Amino acid sequence: MTSRPPAGGRRSRRPRLLTLGDLVLDIVARTQEGVAAGTDVAGTIELRAGGSAANTARAFVALGGEAAFVGAIGPDGIGRRLVRALRADGVRVHPASARQPTARLAALVDPRGERSFVTQRGAADMLRPRDLPTSAVARADALHLPGYSLINEPLRLTAVRAAEHAHRAGRLVSVDLASHRPLLARGRSAARQMLSEVRPHVVFANVDEARALTGAQPRRLLELGPIAVIKEGAAGCRVLWLAETGGAVRDAAAGGILEVAVATAPIRASDTTGAGDAFDAGFLHSLVEQLLAGSGTASVRADPHDPTAPLRRAAVLRRAAMVGHRAAAQVLSRPRKELAL
């Protein structure tokens, strides 16, 4: 499902997204009852193509956009199969080779749909700056980085380099906090420093991640970037942004913060894996599409004091949130495709 451009606008081409980070084998175990120590419980086990960066690229293509993915895989059949699956979904893949095993994740999903993860990052963290195709950054309208891409070296340095290229080209940069425990492993101050290095225009977080990073002051997310989106699950989301006064952007600490809540229709889902990544894809697809419709280019202004003025309007951000909700609903409501090995 694609988002519609504003009335009277024009659509010059499809939005383009570049994601950088993880391509992962997801091993998803769903129980029909609570886990019991020392014995068996009934359930299902599925193998899927996953990874936050790959999921976002896949969902962006499903919305009608163009997406490219940059990431590292290991010298194994799992990595090659994951690349083939992502390409089959319409994503342009730039795989780098690493000596570590391809990343894999075991997800335990309880009867309420809540998830617990055991992760082996492996090759995913081994993407080096020299593996970065700078032409792919320049071609994209937006660069999206999961928080996982900002934690371990050399992937973190590669993500910072990609963000630098994106900013120089006048592209949007977004970050999703992804998971508060690994992000905050070195403390809140270190996490904020990692995020500030990529200077995101849009920060995505769920309620727990926002609370963990800001100490229950979610408006402080705007100290990292001018637009913050707090995903609230079945309740919808809140979008916060910095207001402009007299042509200048007001500082988060000084006030001037605007906020809109965008509700969504609750969906009964037994597995929410990937829904947050799809929301990010929908939100970004709509932002870029609206910029293309309005100006024929998705570059943000070069003025460092006002980089996202075309985006920071209630109608634009509300529309983006609604498209994000629809993209997440698609993931929650359709059957999941199992990866054939």
Protein backbone atom coordinates (compact mmCIF):
# COMPACT_ATOMS: atom_id res chain seq x y z
CA MET A 1 0.00 0.00 0.00
CA THR A 2 1.47 3.32 -1.02
CA SER A 3 0.84 6.67 0.57
CA ARG A 4 -0.80 9.40 -1.49
CA PRO A 5 0.89 12.70 -2.26
CA PRO A 6 -0.82 15.83 -1.00
CA ALA A 7 -3.61 17.22 -3.14
CA GLY A 8 -2.21 19.31 -5.96
CA GLY A 9 1.29 17.90 -5.51
CA ARG A 10 3.29 16.03 -8.11
CA ARG A 11 5.20 12.79 -7.89
CA SER A 12 8.45 12.87 -9.85
CA ARG A 13 9.70 9.38 -8.97
CA ARG A 14 9.58 6.73 -6.29
CA PRO A 15 11.14 7.46 -2.88
CA ARG A 16 14.52 5.85 -2.25
CA LEU A 17 15.82 4.53 1.07
CA LEU A 18 19.20 3.15 2.11
CA THR A 19 19.45 1.06 5.27
CA LEU A 20 22.72 0.01 6.87
CA GLY A 21 23.21 -2.71 9.43
CA ASP A 22 21.96 -6.19 10.06
CA LEU A 23 20.75 -9.07 7.90
CA VAL A 24 19.86 -11.86 10.31
CA LEU A 25 18.52 -15.40 10.39
CA ASP A 26 15.54 -15.25 12.76
CA ILE A 27 14.67 -18.47 14.58
CA VAL A 28 11.20 -17.75 15.94
CA ALA A 29 9.74 -20.07 18.59
CA ARG A 30 6.14 -19.41 19.55
CA THR A 31 4.66 -21.17 22.58
CA GLN A 32 1.01 -22.01 23.14
CA GLU A 33 1.54 -21.79 26.88
CA GLY A 34 4.10 -20.38 29.26
CA VAL A 35 7.62 -21.80 29.19
CA ALA A 36 8.20 -24.48 31.83
CA ALA A 37 11.75 -25.09 33.08
CA GLY A 38 13.15 -28.58 32.62
CA THR A 39 10.42 -29.91 30.32
CA ASP A 40 8.73 -29.44 26.93
CA VAL A 41 5.97 -27.09 25.87
CA ALA A 42 4.01 -27.16 22.62
CA GLY A 43 4.61 -24.52 20.00
CA THR A 44 5.93 -23.71 16.52
CA ILE A 45 9.44 -22.91 15.28
CA GLU A 46 10.04 -20.97 12.06
CA LEU A 47 13.11 -19.74 10.18
CA ARG A 48 12.79 -16.24 8.72
CA ALA A 49 14.86 -13.56 7.01
CA GLY A 50 15.24 -10.79 9.56
CA GLY A 51 17.40 -7.98 10.87
CA SER A 52 16.09 -4.48 11.60
CA ALA A 53 17.88 -2.80 8.70
CA ALA A 54 16.84 -5.51 6.23
CA ASN A 55 13.25 -5.52 7.53
CA THR A 56 12.92 -1.77 7.03
CA ALA A 57 14.25 -1.98 3.47
CA ARG A 58 11.87 -4.85 2.66
CA ALA A 59 8.86 -2.96 4.03
CA PHE A 60 9.84 0.21 2.13
CA VAL A 61 9.76 -1.72 -1.16
CA ALA A 62 6.37 -3.21 -0.25
CA LEU A 63 5.07 0.36 0.03
CA GLY A 64 6.15 1.11 -3.54
CA GLY A 65 9.53 2.68 -2.87
CA GLU A 66 13.05 1.72 -3.86
CA ALA A 67 15.36 0.43 -1.15
CA ALA A 68 18.98 -0.62 -0.87
CA PHE A 69 20.65 -2.46 1.99
CA VAL A 70 24.31 -2.45 3.04
CA GLY A 71 25.54 -5.06 5.50
CA ALA A 72 28.00 -7.85 6.16
CA ILE A 73 27.39 -11.60 6.02
CA GLY A 74 29.55 -14.57 6.91
CA PRO A 75 31.17 -17.16 4.60
CA ASP A 76 28.23 -19.54 4.94
CA GLY A 77 25.11 -20.74 3.19
CA ILE A 78 22.86 -18.86 5.62
CA GLY A 79 24.26 -15.51 4.53
CA ARG A 80 23.96 -16.31 0.85
CA ARG A 81 20.38 -17.47 1.29
CA LEU A 82 19.42 -14.35 3.22
CA VAL A 83 20.87 -12.14 0.46
CA ARG A 84 18.88 -14.04 -2.18
CA ALA A 85 15.70 -13.71 -0.15
CA LEU A 86 16.15 -9.96 0.31
CA ARG A 87 16.83 -9.47 -3.40
CA ALA A 88 13.75 -11.55 -4.21
CA ASP A 89 11.75 -9.03 -2.18
CA GLY A 90 12.96 -6.23 -4.46
CA VAL A 91 15.77 -4.77 -2.32
CA ARG A 92 19.09 -3.81 -3.90
CA VAL A 93 21.66 -5.58 -1.70
CA HIS A 94 25.30 -4.53 -1.22
CA PRO A 95 26.73 -7.43 0.84
CA ALA A 96 30.19 -7.36 2.34
CA SER A 97 32.02 -10.50 3.39
CA ALA A 98 33.22 -11.07 6.96
CA ARG A 99 34.96 -13.97 8.67
CA GLN A 100 32.37 -14.20 11.43
CA PRO A 101 29.22 -16.36 11.03
CA THR A 102 26.19 -14.64 9.57
CA ALA A 103 24.12 -13.02 12.32
CA ARG A 104 21.34 -15.06 13.87
CA LEU A 105 18.68 -14.44 16.46
CA ALA A 106 16.45 -16.72 18.51
CA ALA A 107 13.11 -15.11 19.40
CA LEU A 108 10.79 -16.65 21.97
CA VAL A 109 7.24 -15.35 21.50
CA ASP A 110 4.74 -15.96 24.30
CA PRO A 111 0.96 -16.38 23.82
CA ARG A 112 0.44 -12.59 24.26
CA GLY A 113 2.86 -11.80 21.43
CA GLU A 114 5.61 -10.51 23.73
CA ARG A 115 9.13 -11.40 22.62
CA SER A 116 12.45 -12.24 24.20
CA PHE A 117 15.64 -12.41 22.13
CA VAL A 118 18.97 -14.18 22.19
CA THR A 119 21.25 -12.62 19.58
CA GLN A 120 24.55 -13.61 17.97
CA ARG A 121 25.59 -10.52 16.01
CA GLY A 122 28.55 -12.17 14.29
CA ALA A 123 29.23 -10.78 10.82
CA ALA A 124 26.66 -8.00 11.14
CA ASP A 125 29.04 -5.93 13.27
CA MET A 126 31.98 -6.44 10.89
CA LEU A 127 30.93 -3.97 8.17
CA ARG A 128 33.94 -1.70 7.55
CA PRO A 129 34.05 1.87 6.22
CA ARG A 130 35.78 0.63 3.06
CA ASP A 131 32.73 -1.60 2.41
CA LEU A 132 30.44 1.43 2.19
CA PRO A 133 29.22 2.18 -1.37
CA THR A 134 29.10 5.98 -1.21
CA SER A 135 27.23 6.10 -4.51
CA ALA A 136 24.35 4.25 -2.85
CA VAL A 137 24.22 6.91 -0.11
CA ALA A 138 24.11 9.69 -2.69
CA ARG A 139 21.39 7.95 -4.67
CA ALA A 140 19.08 7.54 -1.69
CA ASP A 141 16.67 10.16 -0.38
CA ALA A 142 17.07 8.94 3.19
CA LEU A 143 19.52 6.89 5.24
CA HIS A 144 18.07 4.75 8.03
CA LEU A 145 20.19 3.33 10.86
CA PRO A 146 18.91 0.92 13.51
CA GLY A 147 20.43 1.58 16.93
CA TYR A 148 22.23 -1.76 16.61
CA SER A 149 24.41 -0.15 13.93
CA LEU A 150 25.79 2.38 16.41
CA ILE A 151 27.11 0.11 19.16
CA ASN A 152 29.96 -2.15 18.06
CA GLU A 153 32.99 -1.53 15.87
CA PRO A 154 33.67 -1.42 12.98
CA LEU A 155 29.95 -1.18 12.11
CA ARG A 156 29.53 1.94 14.27
CA LEU A 157 32.28 3.81 12.44
CA THR A 158 30.81 2.76 9.09
CA ALA A 159 27.39 4.07 10.13
CA VAL A 160 28.94 7.40 11.17
CA ARG A 161 30.71 7.66 7.80
CA ALA A 162 27.46 6.89 5.98
CA ALA A 163 25.65 9.59 7.96
CA GLU A 164 28.40 12.10 7.12
CA HIS A 165 27.99 11.35 3.41
CA ALA A 166 24.19 11.63 3.72
CA HIS A 167 24.39 15.01 5.45
CA ARG A 168 26.82 16.36 2.85
CA ALA A 169 24.42 15.26 0.11
CA GLY A 170 21.48 16.92 1.89
CA ARG A 171 19.68 13.64 2.61
CA LEU A 172 17.47 12.72 5.53
CA VAL A 173 19.04 10.65 8.29
CA SER A 174 16.94 8.61 10.72
CA VAL A 175 17.76 6.38 13.68
CA ASP A 176 15.63 3.83 15.50
CA LEU A 177 16.77 3.14 19.08
CA ALA A 178 15.85 -0.52 18.41
CA SER A 179 16.58 -2.07 21.83
CA HIS A 180 17.36 -0.21 25.04
CA ARG A 181 19.52 -2.85 26.73
CA PRO A 182 22.40 -3.01 24.17
CA LEU A 183 22.07 0.72 23.45
CA LEU A 184 22.51 1.60 27.13
CA ALA A 185 25.15 -1.03 27.92
CA ARG A 186 27.75 1.71 28.49
CA GLY A 187 25.35 4.12 30.16
CA ARG A 188 22.91 6.81 29.11
CA SER A 189 25.55 9.45 28.42
CA ALA A 190 27.52 7.16 26.11
CA ALA A 191 24.34 6.20 24.27
CA ARG A 192 23.42 9.82 23.68
CA GLN A 193 26.92 10.50 22.40
CA MET A 194 26.68 7.59 19.94
CA LEU A 195 23.37 8.89 18.62
CA SER A 196 24.53 12.49 18.37
CA GLU A 197 27.45 11.47 16.14
CA VAL A 198 25.09 10.67 13.25
CA ARG A 199 22.99 13.85 13.77
CA PRO A 200 19.63 12.26 12.92
CA HIS A 201 16.76 14.31 11.56
CA VAL A 202 14.24 11.71 12.79
CA VAL A 203 14.55 9.59 15.95
CA PHE A 204 12.26 6.57 16.36
CA ALA A 205 11.75 4.91 19.76
CA ASN A 206 9.16 2.82 21.54
CA VAL A 207 7.95 3.87 24.97
CA ASP A 208 10.47 1.75 26.90
CA GLU A 209 13.41 2.92 24.77
CA ALA A 210 12.42 6.58 25.09
CA ARG A 211 12.05 6.24 28.85
CA ALA A 212 15.37 4.42 29.24
CA LEU A 213 17.32 6.98 27.23
CA THR A 214 15.70 10.16 28.55
CA GLY A 215 14.85 9.24 32.14
CA ALA A 216 11.08 9.47 31.56
CA GLN A 217 11.45 12.82 29.76
CA PRO A 218 10.67 11.81 26.15
CA ARG A 219 10.86 15.40 24.91
CA ARG A 220 14.61 15.20 25.45
CA LEU A 221 14.75 13.02 22.33
CA LEU A 222 14.54 16.34 20.48
CA GLU A 223 17.99 17.19 21.78
CA LEU A 224 19.19 14.54 19.30
CA GLY A 225 17.15 15.62 16.28
CA PRO A 226 14.28 17.91 15.28
CA ILE A 227 11.67 15.14 14.90
CA ALA A 228 10.99 12.33 17.38
CA VAL A 229 8.47 9.52 16.96
CA ILE A 230 7.46 7.50 20.01
CA LYS A 231 5.75 4.24 19.06
CA GLU A 232 3.09 3.19 21.57
CA GLY A 233 2.06 -0.19 20.16
CA ALA A 234 -1.68 -0.73 19.84
CA ALA A 235 -2.32 2.82 21.10
CA GLY A 236 -0.61 4.40 18.06
CA CYS A 237 2.24 6.89 18.32
CA ARG A 238 3.22 10.39 19.34
CA VAL A 239 5.20 12.67 17.06
CA LEU A 240 7.16 15.54 18.61
CA TRP A 241 8.98 18.26 16.73
CA LEU A 242 10.75 21.54 17.26
CA ALA A 243 8.82 24.65 16.36
CA GLU A 244 10.15 27.54 14.34
CA THR A 245 9.98 31.10 15.60
CA GLY A 246 10.74 33.97 13.29
CA GLY A 247 12.55 31.68 10.87
CA ALA A 248 14.77 30.17 13.58
CA VAL A 249 14.50 26.72 15.10
CA ARG A 250 13.87 26.79 18.82
CA ASP A 251 16.03 24.66 21.09
CA ALA A 252 14.44 21.68 22.85
CA ALA A 253 15.61 22.87 26.24
CA ALA A 254 14.04 26.29 25.62
CA GLY A 255 10.61 24.92 24.73
CA GLY A 256 8.90 25.48 21.41
CA ILE A 257 8.00 21.79 21.15
CA LEU A 258 4.92 20.69 19.26
CA GLU A 259 3.27 17.29 19.58
CA VAL A 260 0.55 15.28 17.91
CA ALA A 261 -0.89 11.89 18.89
CA VAL A 262 -1.91 9.60 16.04
CA ALA A 263 -4.08 6.64 17.02
CA THR A 264 -4.29 3.34 15.19
CA ALA A 265 -6.80 0.50 15.07
CA PRO A 266 -5.63 -2.27 17.45
CA ILE A 267 -4.76 -5.56 15.74
CA ARG A 268 -4.71 -8.86 17.56
CA ALA A 269 -1.32 -10.31 16.71
CA SER A 270 0.48 -13.36 18.05
CA ASP A 271 3.87 -12.07 16.84
CA THR A 272 4.93 -8.40 16.60
CA THR A 273 8.43 -9.09 15.21
CA GLY A 274 9.23 -6.62 12.43
CA ALA A 275 6.22 -4.35 12.98
CA GLY A 276 8.33 -1.51 14.37
CA ASP A 277 10.71 -1.72 11.40
CA ALA A 278 7.73 -1.58 9.02
CA PHE A 279 6.40 1.48 10.84
CA ASP A 280 9.74 3.24 10.29
CA ALA A 281 9.60 2.35 6.60
CA GLY A 282 6.08 3.73 6.24
CA PHE A 283 6.87 6.95 8.09
CA LEU A 284 9.99 7.61 6.01
CA HIS A 285 8.29 6.64 2.74
CA SER A 286 5.57 9.21 3.39
CA LEU A 287 8.03 11.96 4.40
CA VAL A 288 10.11 11.49 1.26
CA GLU A 289 7.06 11.14 -0.97
CA GLN A 290 5.63 14.39 0.33
CA LEU A 291 8.95 16.17 -0.26
CA LEU A 292 9.11 14.81 -3.79
CA ALA A 293 5.54 15.85 -4.45
CA GLY A 294 6.18 19.35 -3.17
CA SER A 295 9.57 20.18 -4.64
CA GLY A 296 10.68 17.42 -6.99
CA THR A 297 13.67 16.71 -4.76
CA ALA A 298 13.99 14.93 -1.44
CA SER A 299 17.06 16.84 -0.31
CA VAL A 300 16.60 18.80 2.89
CA ARG A 301 17.84 22.37 3.02
CA ALA A 302 21.56 22.89 3.46
CA ASP A 303 21.02 25.50 6.21
CA PRO A 304 22.24 23.72 9.38
CA HIS A 305 19.91 25.86 11.51
CA ASP A 306 16.81 24.76 9.60
CA PRO A 307 17.43 21.36 8.01
CA THR A 308 13.89 19.94 8.06
CA ALA A 309 11.54 22.89 7.70
CA PRO A 310 9.55 21.28 4.84
CA LEU A 311 8.83 18.31 7.10
CA ARG A 312 7.97 19.90 10.42
CA ARG A 313 4.29 20.60 9.92
CA ALA A 314 1.49 18.80 11.70
CA ALA A 315 -0.28 17.66 8.52
CA VAL A 316 2.93 16.23 7.03
CA LEU A 317 3.89 14.36 10.19
CA ARG A 318 0.38 13.10 10.88
CA ARG A 319 0.19 11.68 7.36
CA ALA A 320 3.57 10.00 7.83
CA ALA A 321 2.45 8.43 11.11
CA MET A 322 -0.72 7.09 9.49
CA VAL A 323 1.29 5.46 6.69
CA GLY A 324 3.61 4.02 9.33
CA HIS A 325 0.64 2.50 11.15
CA ARG A 326 -0.67 0.96 7.92
CA ALA A 327 2.73 -0.52 7.11
CA ALA A 328 2.96 -2.06 10.59
CA ALA A 329 -0.58 -3.40 10.27
CA GLN A 330 0.35 -5.18 7.06
CA VAL A 331 3.15 -7.02 8.85
CA LEU A 332 0.92 -7.90 11.80
CA SER A 333 -2.01 -9.16 9.74
CA ARG A 334 -0.41 -11.16 6.94
CA PRO A 335 1.11 -14.65 7.15
CA ARG A 336 4.87 -14.67 7.73
CA LYS A 337 7.04 -16.13 4.99
CA GLU A 338 9.38 -18.86 6.14
CA LEU A 339 12.94 -18.93 4.84
CA ALA A 340 13.81 -22.04 2.85
CA LEU A 341 17.33 -23.26 3.57
